[in-house]
Amino acid sequence: MHIRAPAVVCASRPHGETAVVVRLLTSGHGLVAGYVAGGRGRELRPVLIPGNLVEAELKARSDSQLPYARIELLASRGPWLTEPLQSAAIAWVTALTAAALPERQPYPALHEALTALLDAICLAPSARGWAMPLLSYEVLLMRELGYGGPLAPPETGDWTALLGAFDRLGRDLQRYPLAHRRADVMAARTMLRERLARIDGI
């Protein structure tokens, strides 16, 4: 196995004293995990932040072996992690992707959509510019996995309707793609929902 491709960092977990296991979403190979030696060190820790866009090289002697990964930063989401709304949105969409997708099955549409969504979260003037695209990403993910139907988009500017759609879709996510996950991935979505509600004091 030898993969070299741009990827979105979706999760990073400590492994041993200094390494991490990183989960990356690529266009051509889907979600792949890799072992990053020294990933907890000063140099690589900020590179492996979920949401970052990286150039990844993964090598393994067989498909059953956890590949070793070399990671180079292409675009950092670090500057937005101090912003409550943006950081909550980035944490949720990356956690959802890492938890819901099976490994090594390509979903090029999801890779493209997630990359665009992360750009919108970081660059839009307010959450009103990315809240609906975030819902659209969740719907796309469910469709790609074989769940869900069309989401009727709320009227433009109707924040209450958007939050209602957010709640309905959350129940479907918990019932279907996240039903058998041990980790409480939905906690990240709950935090995001609370912060979105404060925009209009709802």
N, C-alpha and C. Protein backbone atom coordinates (compact mmCIF):
# COMPACT_ATOMS: atom_id res chain seq x y z
N MET A 1 0.84 -1.19 0.00
CA MET A 1 0.00 0.00 0.00
C MET A 1 0.88 1.24 0.00
N HIS A 2 0.60 2.16 -0.90
CA HIS A 2 1.31 3.43 -0.95
C HIS A 2 0.34 4.49 -1.47
N ILE A 3 0.00 5.42 -0.60
CA ILE A 3 -0.93 6.49 -0.95
C ILE A 3 -0.24 7.83 -0.73
N ARG A 4 -0.36 8.72 -1.69
CA ARG A 4 0.05 10.11 -1.50
C ARG A 4 -1.06 10.98 -2.05
N ALA A 5 -1.66 11.80 -1.19
CA ALA A 5 -2.82 12.58 -1.61
C ALA A 5 -3.10 13.70 -0.63
N PRO A 6 -3.76 14.77 -1.09
CA PRO A 6 -4.28 15.77 -0.15
C PRO A 6 -5.36 15.12 0.71
N ALA A 7 -5.46 15.57 1.95
CA ALA A 7 -6.43 14.96 2.86
C ALA A 7 -6.87 15.97 3.90
N VAL A 8 -8.04 15.71 4.47
CA VAL A 8 -8.54 16.49 5.60
C VAL A 8 -8.32 15.67 6.86
N VAL A 9 -7.69 16.26 7.86
CA VAL A 9 -7.53 15.58 9.15
C VAL A 9 -8.90 15.55 9.84
N CYS A 10 -9.36 14.33 10.15
CA CYS A 10 -10.67 14.20 10.79
C CYS A 10 -10.58 13.79 12.26
N ALA A 11 -9.51 13.12 12.64
CA ALA A 11 -9.34 12.73 14.04
C ALA A 11 -7.88 12.44 14.28
N SER A 12 -7.46 12.63 15.53
CA SER A 12 -6.08 12.36 15.92
C SER A 12 -6.11 11.85 17.35
N ARG A 13 -5.60 10.62 17.56
CA ARG A 13 -5.63 10.00 18.88
C ARG A 13 -4.22 9.62 19.32
N PRO A 14 -3.87 9.88 20.60
CA PRO A 14 -2.55 9.50 21.08
C PRO A 14 -2.32 8.00 20.97
N HIS A 15 -1.08 7.63 20.69
CA HIS A 15 -0.70 6.22 20.60
C HIS A 15 0.70 6.09 21.21
N GLY A 16 0.77 5.41 22.34
CA GLY A 16 2.05 5.32 23.02
C GLY A 16 2.45 6.66 23.61
N GLU A 17 3.76 6.84 23.79
CA GLU A 17 4.24 8.05 24.46
C GLU A 17 4.31 9.26 23.55
N THR A 18 4.66 9.06 22.28
CA THR A 18 4.91 10.22 21.42
C THR A 18 4.16 10.20 20.10
N ALA A 19 3.60 9.06 19.73
CA ALA A 19 2.96 8.94 18.42
C ALA A 19 1.46 9.21 18.49
N VAL A 20 0.84 9.33 17.31
CA VAL A 20 -0.61 9.43 17.21
C VAL A 20 -1.08 8.55 16.06
N VAL A 21 -2.34 8.16 16.15
CA VAL A 21 -3.02 7.56 15.01
C VAL A 21 -3.97 8.61 14.46
N VAL A 22 -3.76 8.97 13.22
CA VAL A 22 -4.54 10.03 12.59
C VAL A 22 -5.50 9.40 11.58
N ARG A 23 -6.69 9.99 11.47
CA ARG A 23 -7.66 9.53 10.47
C ARG A 23 -7.87 10.66 9.49
N LEU A 24 -7.70 10.33 8.22
CA LEU A 24 -7.68 11.33 7.15
C LEU A 24 -8.73 11.00 6.10
N LEU A 25 -9.40 12.03 5.60
CA LEU A 25 -10.34 11.83 4.49
C LEU A 25 -9.66 12.26 3.20
N THR A 26 -9.47 11.30 2.29
CA THR A 26 -8.91 11.58 0.97
C THR A 26 -10.00 11.41 -0.07
N SER A 27 -9.77 11.97 -1.25
CA SER A 27 -10.76 11.88 -2.30
C SER A 27 -10.80 10.48 -2.92
N GLY A 28 -9.64 9.93 -3.23
CA GLY A 28 -9.60 8.68 -3.97
C GLY A 28 -9.60 7.42 -3.13
N HIS A 29 -9.28 7.54 -1.83
CA HIS A 29 -9.16 6.36 -0.98
C HIS A 29 -10.09 6.41 0.23
N GLY A 30 -10.87 7.45 0.34
CA GLY A 30 -11.80 7.56 1.45
C GLY A 30 -11.09 7.87 2.76
N LEU A 31 -11.66 7.36 3.85
CA LEU A 31 -11.12 7.58 5.18
C LEU A 31 -10.01 6.56 5.44
N VAL A 32 -8.83 7.04 5.75
CA VAL A 32 -7.70 6.15 6.00
C VAL A 32 -7.05 6.54 7.32
N ALA A 33 -6.57 5.53 8.05
CA ALA A 33 -5.87 5.76 9.31
C ALA A 33 -4.38 5.56 9.09
N GLY A 34 -3.57 6.30 9.84
CA GLY A 34 -2.13 6.17 9.72
C GLY A 34 -1.44 6.45 11.04
N TYR A 35 -0.30 5.83 11.22
CA TYR A 35 0.53 5.99 12.42
C TYR A 35 1.55 7.09 12.14
N VAL A 36 1.54 8.12 12.98
CA VAL A 36 2.46 9.24 12.81
C VAL A 36 3.44 9.24 13.97
N ALA A 37 4.68 8.85 13.71
CA ALA A 37 5.71 8.88 14.74
C ALA A 37 6.00 10.32 15.13
N GLY A 38 6.07 10.58 16.44
CA GLY A 38 6.34 11.93 16.91
C GLY A 38 5.18 12.88 16.74
N GLY A 39 3.99 12.36 16.52
CA GLY A 39 2.83 13.20 16.27
C GLY A 39 2.40 14.05 17.44
N ARG A 40 2.85 13.72 18.65
CA ARG A 40 2.50 14.52 19.83
C ARG A 40 3.56 15.57 20.14
N GLY A 41 4.56 15.65 19.30
CA GLY A 41 5.63 16.61 19.52
C GLY A 41 5.25 18.02 19.10
N ARG A 42 6.10 18.96 19.45
CA ARG A 42 5.82 20.38 19.20
C ARG A 42 5.65 20.68 17.71
N GLU A 43 6.41 19.97 16.88
CA GLU A 43 6.38 20.27 15.44
C GLU A 43 5.12 19.76 14.76
N LEU A 44 4.72 18.53 15.08
CA LEU A 44 3.61 17.90 14.36
C LEU A 44 2.25 18.10 15.02
N ARG A 45 2.21 18.38 16.31
CA ARG A 45 0.92 18.50 16.99
C ARG A 45 0.01 19.52 16.33
N PRO A 46 0.50 20.74 15.99
CA PRO A 46 -0.41 21.70 15.33
C PRO A 46 -0.77 21.32 13.90
N VAL A 47 0.00 20.42 13.28
CA VAL A 47 -0.32 19.97 11.91
C VAL A 47 -1.49 19.00 11.92
N LEU A 48 -1.64 18.25 13.02
CA LEU A 48 -2.63 17.17 13.09
C LEU A 48 -3.95 17.61 13.73
N ILE A 49 -4.20 18.90 13.74
CA ILE A 49 -5.47 19.42 14.26
C ILE A 49 -6.60 19.04 13.31
N PRO A 50 -7.71 18.46 13.83
CA PRO A 50 -8.84 18.15 12.95
C PRO A 50 -9.33 19.39 12.21
N GLY A 51 -9.56 19.20 10.92
CA GLY A 51 -9.96 20.30 10.05
C GLY A 51 -8.85 20.78 9.15
N ASN A 52 -7.60 20.52 9.54
CA ASN A 52 -6.47 20.95 8.71
C ASN A 52 -6.45 20.20 7.38
N LEU A 53 -6.01 20.90 6.35
CA LEU A 53 -5.77 20.27 5.05
C LEU A 53 -4.29 19.95 4.97
N VAL A 54 -3.98 18.69 4.64
CA VAL A 54 -2.59 18.24 4.65
C VAL A 54 -2.29 17.45 3.38
N GLU A 55 -1.01 17.30 3.11
CA GLU A 55 -0.53 16.37 2.10
C GLU A 55 -0.05 15.14 2.87
N ALA A 56 -0.64 13.99 2.58
CA ALA A 56 -0.35 12.78 3.34
C ALA A 56 0.30 11.73 2.46
N GLU A 57 1.29 11.07 3.01
CA GLU A 57 1.89 9.91 2.37
C GLU A 57 1.80 8.75 3.35
N LEU A 58 1.12 7.68 2.92
CA LEU A 58 0.91 6.51 3.78
C LEU A 58 1.51 5.28 3.11
N LYS A 59 2.27 4.52 3.89
CA LYS A 59 2.91 3.32 3.36
C LYS A 59 2.70 2.16 4.32
N ALA A 60 2.40 1.00 3.75
CA ALA A 60 2.27 -0.23 4.54
C ALA A 60 2.65 -1.41 3.67
N ARG A 61 3.15 -2.46 4.29
CA ARG A 61 3.56 -3.63 3.53
C ARG A 61 2.37 -4.46 3.06
N SER A 62 1.24 -4.33 3.77
CA SER A 62 0.03 -5.06 3.36
C SER A 62 -1.18 -4.21 3.70
N ASP A 63 -2.32 -4.54 3.08
CA ASP A 63 -3.55 -3.77 3.32
C ASP A 63 -4.07 -3.93 4.74
N SER A 64 -3.66 -5.00 5.42
CA SER A 64 -4.14 -5.24 6.78
C SER A 64 -3.31 -4.52 7.84
N GLN A 65 -2.19 -3.97 7.45
CA GLN A 65 -1.29 -3.29 8.39
C GLN A 65 -1.64 -1.82 8.49
N LEU A 66 -1.55 -1.28 9.71
CA LEU A 66 -1.74 0.16 9.88
C LEU A 66 -0.58 0.88 9.22
N PRO A 67 -0.85 1.71 8.23
CA PRO A 67 0.26 2.36 7.51
C PRO A 67 0.97 3.42 8.34
N TYR A 68 2.24 3.60 8.06
CA TYR A 68 2.98 4.73 8.59
C TYR A 68 2.64 5.95 7.73
N ALA A 69 2.47 7.09 8.38
CA ALA A 69 2.06 8.30 7.66
C ALA A 69 3.07 9.42 7.85
N ARG A 70 3.36 10.10 6.76
CA ARG A 70 4.12 11.34 6.79
C ARG A 70 3.16 12.45 6.37
N ILE A 71 3.11 13.51 7.16
CA ILE A 71 2.11 14.55 6.98
C ILE A 71 2.78 15.91 6.81
N GLU A 72 2.34 16.66 5.79
CA GLU A 72 2.79 18.03 5.59
C GLU A 72 1.57 18.95 5.56
N LEU A 73 1.67 20.05 6.25
CA LEU A 73 0.55 20.99 6.34
C LEU A 73 0.37 21.77 5.05
N LEU A 74 -0.89 21.82 4.57
CA LEU A 74 -1.24 22.67 3.42
C LEU A 74 -2.04 23.89 3.85
N ALA A 75 -3.00 23.70 4.75
CA ALA A 75 -3.82 24.83 5.24
C ALA A 75 -4.24 24.52 6.67
N SER A 76 -4.03 25.49 7.56
CA SER A 76 -4.33 25.30 8.98
C SER A 76 -5.65 25.94 9.37
N ARG A 77 -6.40 25.23 10.21
CA ARG A 77 -7.63 25.81 10.80
C ARG A 77 -7.34 26.34 12.20
N GLY A 78 -6.09 26.26 12.63
CA GLY A 78 -5.72 26.67 13.98
C GLY A 78 -6.20 28.06 14.38
N PRO A 79 -6.07 29.08 13.49
CA PRO A 79 -6.49 30.43 13.90
C PRO A 79 -7.96 30.53 14.30
N TRP A 80 -8.79 29.60 13.85
CA TRP A 80 -10.23 29.68 14.15
C TRP A 80 -10.62 28.86 15.37
N LEU A 81 -9.68 28.15 15.97
CA LEU A 81 -10.03 27.30 17.10
C LEU A 81 -10.27 28.10 18.38
N THR A 82 -9.93 29.39 18.36
CA THR A 82 -10.24 30.24 19.51
C THR A 82 -11.61 30.89 19.37
N GLU A 83 -12.27 30.70 18.23
CA GLU A 83 -13.60 31.26 18.00
C GLU A 83 -14.65 30.21 18.36
N PRO A 84 -15.54 30.48 19.31
CA PRO A 84 -16.45 29.44 19.81
C PRO A 84 -17.30 28.76 18.74
N LEU A 85 -17.89 29.53 17.84
CA LEU A 85 -18.76 28.94 16.82
C LEU A 85 -17.97 28.14 15.80
N GLN A 86 -16.92 28.75 15.28
CA GLN A 86 -16.14 28.05 14.26
C GLN A 86 -15.49 26.78 14.81
N SER A 87 -14.95 26.87 16.02
CA SER A 87 -14.28 25.69 16.59
C SER A 87 -15.29 24.57 16.83
N ALA A 88 -16.49 24.92 17.27
CA ALA A 88 -17.52 23.89 17.50
C ALA A 88 -17.95 23.25 16.19
N ALA A 89 -18.08 24.05 15.14
CA ALA A 89 -18.49 23.52 13.84
C ALA A 89 -17.41 22.60 13.26
N ILE A 90 -16.14 23.01 13.34
CA ILE A 90 -15.05 22.19 12.83
C ILE A 90 -14.97 20.88 13.60
N ALA A 91 -15.08 20.96 14.93
CA ALA A 91 -15.03 19.74 15.75
C ALA A 91 -16.15 18.78 15.37
N TRP A 92 -17.35 19.31 15.13
CA TRP A 92 -18.47 18.44 14.81
C TRP A 92 -18.33 17.77 13.45
N VAL A 93 -18.07 18.53 12.40
CA VAL A 93 -18.07 17.92 11.07
C VAL A 93 -16.93 16.93 10.88
N THR A 94 -15.79 17.19 11.54
CA THR A 94 -14.69 16.23 11.45
C THR A 94 -14.98 14.98 12.27
N ALA A 95 -15.56 15.15 13.46
CA ALA A 95 -15.91 13.99 14.29
C ALA A 95 -16.96 13.13 13.61
N LEU A 96 -17.96 13.77 13.01
CA LEU A 96 -19.00 13.04 12.28
C LEU A 96 -18.38 12.22 11.15
N THR A 97 -17.51 12.84 10.38
CA THR A 97 -16.88 12.15 9.25
C THR A 97 -16.06 10.96 9.71
N ALA A 98 -15.26 11.16 10.76
CA ALA A 98 -14.42 10.08 11.27
C ALA A 98 -15.24 8.93 11.83
N ALA A 99 -16.37 9.24 12.46
CA ALA A 99 -17.17 8.20 13.11
C ALA A 99 -18.10 7.47 12.15
N ALA A 100 -18.62 8.17 11.15
CA ALA A 100 -19.67 7.59 10.31
C ALA A 100 -19.15 6.82 9.10
N LEU A 101 -18.03 7.24 8.54
CA LEU A 101 -17.59 6.63 7.28
C LEU A 101 -16.79 5.34 7.52
N PRO A 102 -17.04 4.33 6.71
CA PRO A 102 -16.18 3.15 6.74
C PRO A 102 -14.82 3.48 6.15
N GLU A 103 -13.80 2.76 6.58
CA GLU A 103 -12.45 3.06 6.11
C GLU A 103 -12.20 2.50 4.71
N ARG A 104 -11.38 3.26 3.97
CA ARG A 104 -10.87 2.87 2.66
C ARG A 104 -11.97 2.62 1.62
N GLN A 105 -13.04 3.38 1.73
CA GLN A 105 -14.06 3.40 0.69
C GLN A 105 -14.16 4.84 0.19
N PRO A 106 -13.88 5.07 -1.08
CA PRO A 106 -13.83 6.46 -1.56
C PRO A 106 -15.20 7.13 -1.61
N TYR A 107 -15.23 8.35 -1.15
CA TYR A 107 -16.41 9.21 -1.24
C TYR A 107 -15.94 10.57 -1.74
N PRO A 108 -15.60 10.69 -3.03
CA PRO A 108 -15.03 11.95 -3.52
C PRO A 108 -15.94 13.15 -3.33
N ALA A 109 -17.25 12.94 -3.42
CA ALA A 109 -18.17 14.06 -3.23
C ALA A 109 -18.11 14.58 -1.80
N LEU A 110 -17.96 13.67 -0.84
CA LEU A 110 -17.86 14.09 0.56
C LEU A 110 -16.54 14.82 0.83
N HIS A 111 -15.47 14.34 0.22
CA HIS A 111 -14.19 15.01 0.40
C HIS A 111 -14.25 16.44 -0.13
N GLU A 112 -14.83 16.60 -1.30
CA GLU A 112 -14.96 17.94 -1.90
C GLU A 112 -15.87 18.83 -1.06
N ALA A 113 -17.00 18.25 -0.61
CA ALA A 113 -17.96 19.03 0.18
C ALA A 113 -17.38 19.43 1.54
N LEU A 114 -16.66 18.51 2.19
CA LEU A 114 -16.08 18.82 3.50
C LEU A 114 -15.01 19.90 3.37
N THR A 115 -14.19 19.82 2.35
CA THR A 115 -13.16 20.85 2.14
C THR A 115 -13.80 22.22 1.93
N ALA A 116 -14.85 22.27 1.12
CA ALA A 116 -15.54 23.54 0.87
C ALA A 116 -16.24 24.05 2.13
N LEU A 117 -16.84 23.14 2.90
CA LEU A 117 -17.53 23.53 4.12
C LEU A 117 -16.55 24.11 5.14
N LEU A 118 -15.40 23.48 5.31
CA LEU A 118 -14.41 24.00 6.25
C LEU A 118 -13.93 25.39 5.82
N ASP A 119 -13.76 25.60 4.52
CA ASP A 119 -13.40 26.93 4.04
C ASP A 119 -14.49 27.94 4.39
N ALA A 120 -15.75 27.55 4.20
CA ALA A 120 -16.86 28.45 4.49
C ALA A 120 -16.92 28.78 5.98
N ILE A 121 -16.73 27.78 6.83
CA ILE A 121 -16.77 28.00 8.27
C ILE A 121 -15.71 29.02 8.68
N CYS A 122 -14.56 28.93 8.06
CA CYS A 122 -13.45 29.82 8.44
C CYS A 122 -13.53 31.20 7.79
N LEU A 123 -14.13 31.29 6.62
CA LEU A 123 -14.07 32.53 5.87
C LEU A 123 -15.37 33.34 5.84
N ALA A 124 -16.51 32.70 6.10
CA ALA A 124 -17.78 33.44 6.05
C ALA A 124 -17.82 34.46 7.18
N PRO A 125 -18.47 35.61 6.96
CA PRO A 125 -18.52 36.66 7.99
C PRO A 125 -19.24 36.23 9.26
N SER A 126 -20.20 35.29 9.14
CA SER A 126 -20.93 34.83 10.31
C SER A 126 -21.44 33.41 10.06
N ALA A 127 -22.00 32.81 11.10
CA ALA A 127 -22.54 31.45 10.99
C ALA A 127 -23.68 31.37 9.99
N ARG A 128 -24.34 32.48 9.74
CA ARG A 128 -25.43 32.47 8.76
C ARG A 128 -24.91 32.12 7.36
N GLY A 129 -23.60 32.28 7.15
CA GLY A 129 -23.03 31.96 5.85
C GLY A 129 -22.67 30.50 5.68
N TRP A 130 -22.60 29.75 6.79
CA TRP A 130 -22.22 28.34 6.66
C TRP A 130 -23.17 27.35 7.34
N ALA A 131 -24.17 27.83 8.05
CA ALA A 131 -25.07 26.90 8.76
C ALA A 131 -25.84 26.01 7.78
N MET A 132 -26.37 26.59 6.70
CA MET A 132 -27.09 25.77 5.73
C MET A 132 -26.16 24.83 4.97
N PRO A 133 -24.97 25.27 4.53
CA PRO A 133 -24.04 24.31 3.94
C PRO A 133 -23.67 23.17 4.88
N LEU A 134 -23.61 23.45 6.18
CA LEU A 134 -23.32 22.38 7.14
C LEU A 134 -24.43 21.33 7.12
N LEU A 135 -25.68 21.79 7.13
CA LEU A 135 -26.81 20.85 7.04
C LEU A 135 -26.75 20.07 5.72
N SER A 136 -26.39 20.75 4.65
CA SER A 136 -26.31 20.08 3.35
C SER A 136 -25.23 19.00 3.36
N TYR A 137 -24.14 19.26 4.07
CA TYR A 137 -23.08 18.24 4.18
C TYR A 137 -23.59 17.02 4.94
N GLU A 138 -24.32 17.26 6.02
CA GLU A 138 -24.86 16.14 6.79
C GLU A 138 -25.83 15.30 5.94
N VAL A 139 -26.66 15.98 5.16
CA VAL A 139 -27.59 15.27 4.28
C VAL A 139 -26.83 14.46 3.23
N LEU A 140 -25.80 15.08 2.64
CA LEU A 140 -24.99 14.38 1.64
C LEU A 140 -24.34 13.14 2.24
N LEU A 141 -23.81 13.27 3.45
CA LEU A 141 -23.18 12.12 4.10
C LEU A 141 -24.18 10.99 4.29
N MET A 142 -25.38 11.32 4.73
CA MET A 142 -26.39 10.28 4.93
C MET A 142 -26.77 9.63 3.61
N ARG A 143 -26.88 10.43 2.56
CA ARG A 143 -27.23 9.87 1.25
C ARG A 143 -26.11 8.96 0.72
N GLU A 144 -24.86 9.39 0.89
CA GLU A 144 -23.73 8.59 0.43
C GLU A 144 -23.67 7.25 1.15
N LEU A 145 -24.14 7.21 2.39
CA LEU A 145 -24.14 5.97 3.16
C LEU A 145 -25.43 5.17 2.98
N GLY A 146 -26.35 5.69 2.18
CA GLY A 146 -27.58 4.96 1.90
C GLY A 146 -28.74 5.29 2.81
N TYR A 147 -28.66 6.39 3.55
CA TYR A 147 -29.75 6.81 4.44
C TYR A 147 -30.36 8.12 3.92
N GLY A 148 -31.53 8.41 4.46
CA GLY A 148 -32.05 9.76 4.36
C GLY A 148 -32.64 10.15 3.03
N GLY A 149 -33.44 11.18 3.10
CA GLY A 149 -34.07 11.74 1.92
C GLY A 149 -33.76 13.21 1.83
N PRO A 150 -34.45 13.93 0.96
CA PRO A 150 -34.16 15.35 0.79
C PRO A 150 -34.55 16.16 2.02
N LEU A 151 -33.76 17.16 2.32
CA LEU A 151 -34.06 18.09 3.40
C LEU A 151 -34.63 19.35 2.79
N ALA A 152 -35.85 19.69 3.20
CA ALA A 152 -36.46 20.91 2.69
C ALA A 152 -35.72 22.11 3.29
N PRO A 153 -35.08 22.92 2.46
CA PRO A 153 -34.31 24.03 3.03
C PRO A 153 -35.22 25.08 3.65
N PRO A 154 -34.85 25.61 4.82
CA PRO A 154 -35.64 26.67 5.44
C PRO A 154 -35.63 27.93 4.57
N GLU A 155 -36.59 28.78 4.81
CA GLU A 155 -36.63 30.05 4.09
C GLU A 155 -35.40 30.87 4.42
N THR A 156 -34.94 31.62 3.45
CA THR A 156 -33.76 32.45 3.65
C THR A 156 -33.96 33.40 4.81
N GLY A 157 -33.02 33.39 5.73
CA GLY A 157 -33.08 34.32 6.86
C GLY A 157 -33.91 33.83 8.02
N ASP A 158 -34.60 32.68 7.89
CA ASP A 158 -35.43 32.18 8.98
C ASP A 158 -34.56 31.30 9.87
N TRP A 159 -33.94 31.91 10.87
CA TRP A 159 -33.01 31.20 11.73
C TRP A 159 -33.71 30.16 12.59
N THR A 160 -34.94 30.45 13.01
CA THR A 160 -35.70 29.48 13.82
C THR A 160 -35.98 28.22 13.02
N ALA A 161 -36.34 28.39 11.75
CA ALA A 161 -36.61 27.23 10.90
C ALA A 161 -35.34 26.44 10.65
N LEU A 162 -34.22 27.13 10.50
CA LEU A 162 -32.96 26.44 10.29
C LEU A 162 -32.59 25.59 11.51
N LEU A 163 -32.79 26.15 12.70
CA LEU A 163 -32.48 25.38 13.91
C LEU A 163 -33.42 24.19 14.05
N GLY A 164 -34.67 24.35 13.61
CA GLY A 164 -35.60 23.22 13.62
C GLY A 164 -35.15 22.11 12.69
N ALA A 165 -34.67 22.50 11.50
CA ALA A 165 -34.14 21.50 10.57
C ALA A 165 -32.88 20.85 11.14
N PHE A 166 -32.07 21.63 11.82
CA PHE A 166 -30.86 21.12 12.47
C PHE A 166 -31.23 20.03 13.48
N ASP A 167 -32.27 20.29 14.27
CA ASP A 167 -32.69 19.32 15.29
C ASP A 167 -33.24 18.05 14.66
N ARG A 168 -34.04 18.17 13.62
CA ARG A 168 -34.62 16.99 12.97
C ARG A 168 -33.52 16.12 12.35
N LEU A 169 -32.59 16.76 11.70
CA LEU A 169 -31.51 16.01 11.06
C LEU A 169 -30.62 15.35 12.11
N GLY A 170 -30.44 16.02 13.24
CA GLY A 170 -29.64 15.44 14.32
C GLY A 170 -30.22 14.12 14.81
N ARG A 171 -31.53 14.05 14.89
CA ARG A 171 -32.17 12.80 15.33
C ARG A 171 -31.92 11.69 14.32
N ASP A 172 -31.96 12.02 13.04
CA ASP A 172 -31.70 11.01 12.01
C ASP A 172 -30.24 10.54 12.04
N LEU A 173 -29.33 11.46 12.27
CA LEU A 173 -27.92 11.08 12.35
C LEU A 173 -27.67 10.13 13.52
N GLN A 174 -28.30 10.44 14.64
CA GLN A 174 -28.12 9.59 15.82
C GLN A 174 -28.77 8.22 15.64
N ARG A 175 -29.87 8.18 14.89
CA ARG A 175 -30.61 6.94 14.70
C ARG A 175 -29.96 6.03 13.67
N TYR A 176 -29.29 6.60 12.68
CA TYR A 176 -28.78 5.80 11.56
C TYR A 176 -27.24 5.71 11.54
N PRO A 177 -26.50 6.65 10.93
CA PRO A 177 -25.06 6.40 10.79
C PRO A 177 -24.29 6.35 12.09
N LEU A 178 -24.81 6.99 13.17
CA LEU A 178 -24.08 7.01 14.43
C LEU A 178 -24.68 6.08 15.48
N ALA A 179 -25.61 5.23 15.07
CA ALA A 179 -26.35 4.41 16.05
C ALA A 179 -25.46 3.47 16.83
N HIS A 180 -24.42 2.93 16.21
CA HIS A 180 -23.62 1.90 16.87
C HIS A 180 -22.24 2.40 17.28
N ARG A 181 -22.07 3.70 17.34
CA ARG A 181 -20.78 4.24 17.74
C ARG A 181 -20.70 4.34 19.26
N ARG A 182 -19.62 3.86 19.84
CA ARG A 182 -19.47 3.91 21.29
C ARG A 182 -19.20 5.32 21.79
N ALA A 183 -18.35 6.03 21.08
CA ALA A 183 -18.03 7.40 21.50
C ALA A 183 -19.25 8.30 21.31
N ASP A 184 -19.41 9.23 22.21
CA ASP A 184 -20.55 10.13 22.12
C ASP A 184 -20.23 11.27 21.16
N VAL A 185 -20.26 10.93 19.88
CA VAL A 185 -19.94 11.92 18.85
C VAL A 185 -20.96 13.06 18.86
N MET A 186 -22.19 12.75 19.20
CA MET A 186 -23.25 13.75 19.17
C MET A 186 -23.02 14.87 20.18
N ALA A 187 -22.17 14.67 21.17
CA ALA A 187 -21.90 15.73 22.14
C ALA A 187 -21.32 16.96 21.44
N ALA A 188 -20.52 16.73 20.40
CA ALA A 188 -19.97 17.86 19.64
C ALA A 188 -21.07 18.62 18.92
N ARG A 189 -22.06 17.90 18.44
CA ARG A 189 -23.18 18.56 17.75
C ARG A 189 -24.05 19.33 18.74
N THR A 190 -24.23 18.77 19.93
CA THR A 190 -25.02 19.44 20.96
C THR A 190 -24.38 20.77 21.34
N MET A 191 -23.06 20.78 21.48
CA MET A 191 -22.36 22.03 21.79
C MET A 191 -22.54 23.05 20.67
N LEU A 192 -22.43 22.58 19.43
CA LEU A 192 -22.62 23.49 18.29
C LEU A 192 -24.04 24.05 18.29
N ARG A 193 -25.03 23.21 18.55
CA ARG A 193 -26.43 23.65 18.58
C ARG A 193 -26.64 24.74 19.64
N GLU A 194 -26.04 24.56 20.80
CA GLU A 194 -26.20 25.56 21.86
C GLU A 194 -25.60 26.90 21.44
N ARG A 195 -24.48 26.85 20.75
CA ARG A 195 -23.83 28.10 20.34
C ARG A 195 -24.56 28.77 19.19
N LEU A 196 -25.12 27.97 18.28
CA LEU A 196 -25.92 28.54 17.18
C LEU A 196 -27.17 29.23 17.74
N ALA A 197 -27.77 28.63 18.77
CA ALA A 197 -28.99 29.19 19.32
C ALA A 197 -28.78 30.56 19.93
N ARG A 198 -27.57 30.84 20.37
CA ARG A 198 -27.29 32.14 21.01
C ARG A 198 -27.25 33.29 20.02
N ILE A 199 -27.18 32.99 18.75
CA ILE A 199 -27.08 34.06 17.75
C ILE A 199 -28.26 35.00 17.85
N ASP A 200 -29.46 34.42 17.96
CA ASP A 200 -30.67 35.24 18.10
C ASP A 200 -31.29 35.10 19.47
N GLY A 201 -30.54 34.53 20.41
CA GLY A 201 -31.07 34.35 21.75
C GLY A 201 -32.20 33.37 21.82
N ILE A 202 -32.22 32.34 20.91
CA ILE A 202 -33.34 31.40 20.88
C ILE A 202 -33.11 30.30 21.91
